[in-house]
Amino acid sequence: EPLYDACKSKLAGKKVALFGSYGWGDGEWMRNWVARMEESGAQVYGGEDAICMNEPDSEAEAKLEALGKELAAL
């Protein structure tokens, strides 16, 4: 949270990708994180796609690889 608070005023117009894993719930934190970044003016790539429960499985790895390729093409 302190890192986000320090950066949020500089996010407008920035291209960002969010990724992470979780151990409980349904990943709501990622939806909230995407919304907060977009509210700060950031252009979020991948949206909620780069998320997995616990460690990445083959589906999550494929989504992360696709996100990396999308970012590299920018």
C-alpha atoms as a PDB file:
ATOM      1  CA  GLU A   1       0.000   0.000   0.000  1.00  0.00           C
ATOM      2  CA  PRO A   2       2.754   2.538   0.787  1.00  0.00           C
ATOM      3  CA  LEU A   3       4.355   1.878  -2.609  1.00  0.00           C
ATOM      4  CA  TYR A   4       1.035   2.406  -4.417  1.00  0.00           C
ATOM      5  CA  ASP A   5       0.358   5.597  -2.448  1.00  0.00           C
ATOM      6  CA  ALA A   6       3.795   6.924  -3.410  1.00  0.00           C
ATOM      7  CA  CYS A   7       3.273   6.124  -7.110  1.00  0.00           C
ATOM      8  CA  LYS A   8      -0.430   6.736  -7.789  1.00  0.00           C
ATOM      9  CA  SER A   9      -0.032  10.406  -8.716  1.00  0.00           C
ATOM     10  CA  LYS A  10       2.441   9.377 -11.449  1.00  0.00           C
ATOM     11  CA  LEU A  11       0.377   6.562 -13.013  1.00  0.00           C
ATOM     12  CA  ALA A  12      -1.718   8.612 -15.442  1.00  0.00           C
ATOM     13  CA  GLY A  13      -0.946   7.480 -18.977  1.00  0.00           C
ATOM     14  CA  LYS A  14       1.452   4.731 -17.852  1.00  0.00           C
ATOM     15  CA  LYS A  15       1.229   1.203 -19.244  1.00  0.00           C
ATOM     16  CA  VAL A  16       1.247  -1.387 -16.474  1.00  0.00           C
ATOM     17  CA  ALA A  17       0.790  -5.112 -16.091  1.00  0.00           C
ATOM     18  CA  LEU A  18      -0.377  -6.638 -12.840  1.00  0.00           C
ATOM     19  CA  PHE A  19       0.169 -10.224 -11.807  1.00  0.00           C
ATOM     20  CA  GLY A  20       0.043 -12.245  -8.648  1.00  0.00           C
ATOM     21  CA  SER A  21      -1.139 -15.300  -6.813  1.00  0.00           C
ATOM     22  CA  TYR A  22      -3.386 -15.837  -3.843  1.00  0.00           C
ATOM     23  CA  GLY A  23      -4.095 -18.591  -1.372  1.00  0.00           C
ATOM     24  CA  TRP A  24      -7.707 -17.927  -0.434  1.00  0.00           C
ATOM     25  CA  GLY A  25     -10.854 -16.263  -1.759  1.00  0.00           C
ATOM     26  CA  ASP A  26     -11.635 -15.727  -5.421  1.00  0.00           C
ATOM     27  CA  GLY A  27      -9.004 -13.179  -6.376  1.00  0.00           C
ATOM     28  CA  GLU A  28     -11.147 -10.133  -5.595  1.00  0.00           C
ATOM     29  CA  TRP A  29      -7.979  -8.274  -4.599  1.00  0.00           C
ATOM     30  CA  MET A  30      -6.858  -8.358  -8.253  1.00  0.00           C
ATOM     31  CA  ARG A  31     -10.136  -6.897  -9.496  1.00  0.00           C
ATOM     32  CA  ASN A  32      -9.770  -4.150  -6.894  1.00  0.00           C
ATOM     33  CA  TRP A  33      -6.129  -3.563  -7.853  1.00  0.00           C
ATOM     34  CA  VAL A  34      -6.991  -3.279 -11.555  1.00  0.00           C
ATOM     35  CA  ALA A  35      -9.789  -0.823 -10.744  1.00  0.00           C
ATOM     36  CA  ARG A  36      -7.526   1.299  -8.537  1.00  0.00           C
ATOM     37  CA  MET A  37      -4.805   1.435 -11.177  1.00  0.00           C
ATOM     38  CA  GLU A  38      -7.319   2.420 -13.868  1.00  0.00           C
ATOM     39  CA  GLU A  39      -8.808   5.070 -11.575  1.00  0.00           C
ATOM     40  CA  SER A  40      -5.286   6.478 -11.231  1.00  0.00           C
ATOM     41  CA  GLY A  41      -5.131   6.777 -15.020  1.00  0.00           C
ATOM     42  CA  ALA A  42      -2.930   3.777 -15.795  1.00  0.00           C
ATOM     43  CA  GLN A  43      -3.535   1.629 -18.864  1.00  0.00           C
ATOM     44  CA  VAL A  44      -3.678  -1.914 -17.467  1.00  0.00           C
ATOM     45  CA  TYR A  45      -2.623  -4.767 -19.735  1.00  0.00           C
ATOM     46  CA  GLY A  46      -3.862  -8.266 -19.002  1.00  0.00           C
ATOM     47  CA  GLY A  47      -6.488  -7.077 -16.549  1.00  0.00           C
ATOM     48  CA  GLU A  48      -7.377  -9.947 -14.260  1.00  0.00           C
ATOM     49  CA  ASP A  49      -5.820 -12.594 -16.510  1.00  0.00           C
ATOM     50  CA  ALA A  50      -2.423 -12.734 -14.810  1.00  0.00           C
ATOM     51  CA  ILE A  51      -3.596 -14.261 -11.556  1.00  0.00           C
ATOM     52  CA  CYS A  52      -3.611 -17.742 -10.117  1.00  0.00           C
ATOM     53  CA  MET A  53      -4.420 -19.544  -6.925  1.00  0.00           C
ATOM     54  CA  ASN A  54      -1.224 -20.701  -5.229  1.00  0.00           C
ATOM     55  CA  GLU A  55       1.522 -21.465  -7.748  1.00  0.00           C
ATOM     56  CA  PRO A  56       0.986 -21.019 -11.497  1.00  0.00           C
ATOM     57  CA  ASP A  57      -0.360 -23.984 -13.420  1.00  0.00           C
ATOM     58  CA  SER A  58       0.029 -24.413 -17.191  1.00  0.00           C
ATOM     59  CA  GLU A  59      -2.997 -22.188 -17.886  1.00  0.00           C
ATOM     60  CA  ALA A  60      -1.627 -19.367 -15.727  1.00  0.00           C
ATOM     61  CA  GLU A  61       1.822 -19.754 -17.276  1.00  0.00           C
ATOM     62  CA  ALA A  62       0.310 -19.479 -20.767  1.00  0.00           C
ATOM     63  CA  LYS A  63      -1.548 -16.290 -19.772  1.00  0.00           C
ATOM     64  CA  LEU A  64       1.637 -14.792 -18.322  1.00  0.00           C
ATOM     65  CA  GLU A  65       3.584 -15.681 -21.456  1.00  0.00           C
ATOM     66  CA  ALA A  66       0.906 -14.071 -23.641  1.00  0.00           C
ATOM     67  CA  LEU A  67       0.993 -10.960 -21.457  1.00  0.00           C
ATOM     68  CA  GLY A  68       4.777 -10.783 -21.779  1.00  0.00           C
ATOM     69  CA  LYS A  69       4.530 -11.028 -25.569  1.00  0.00           C
ATOM     70  CA  GLU A  70       1.864  -8.303 -25.623  1.00  0.00           C
ATOM     71  CA  LEU A  71       4.056  -6.013 -23.538  1.00  0.00           C
ATOM     72  CA  ALA A  72       7.147  -6.727 -25.639  1.00  0.00           C
ATOM     73  CA  ALA A  73       5.216  -5.723 -28.770  1.00  0.00           C
ATOM     74  CA  LEU A  74       4.384  -2.257 -27.402  1.00  0.00           C
END
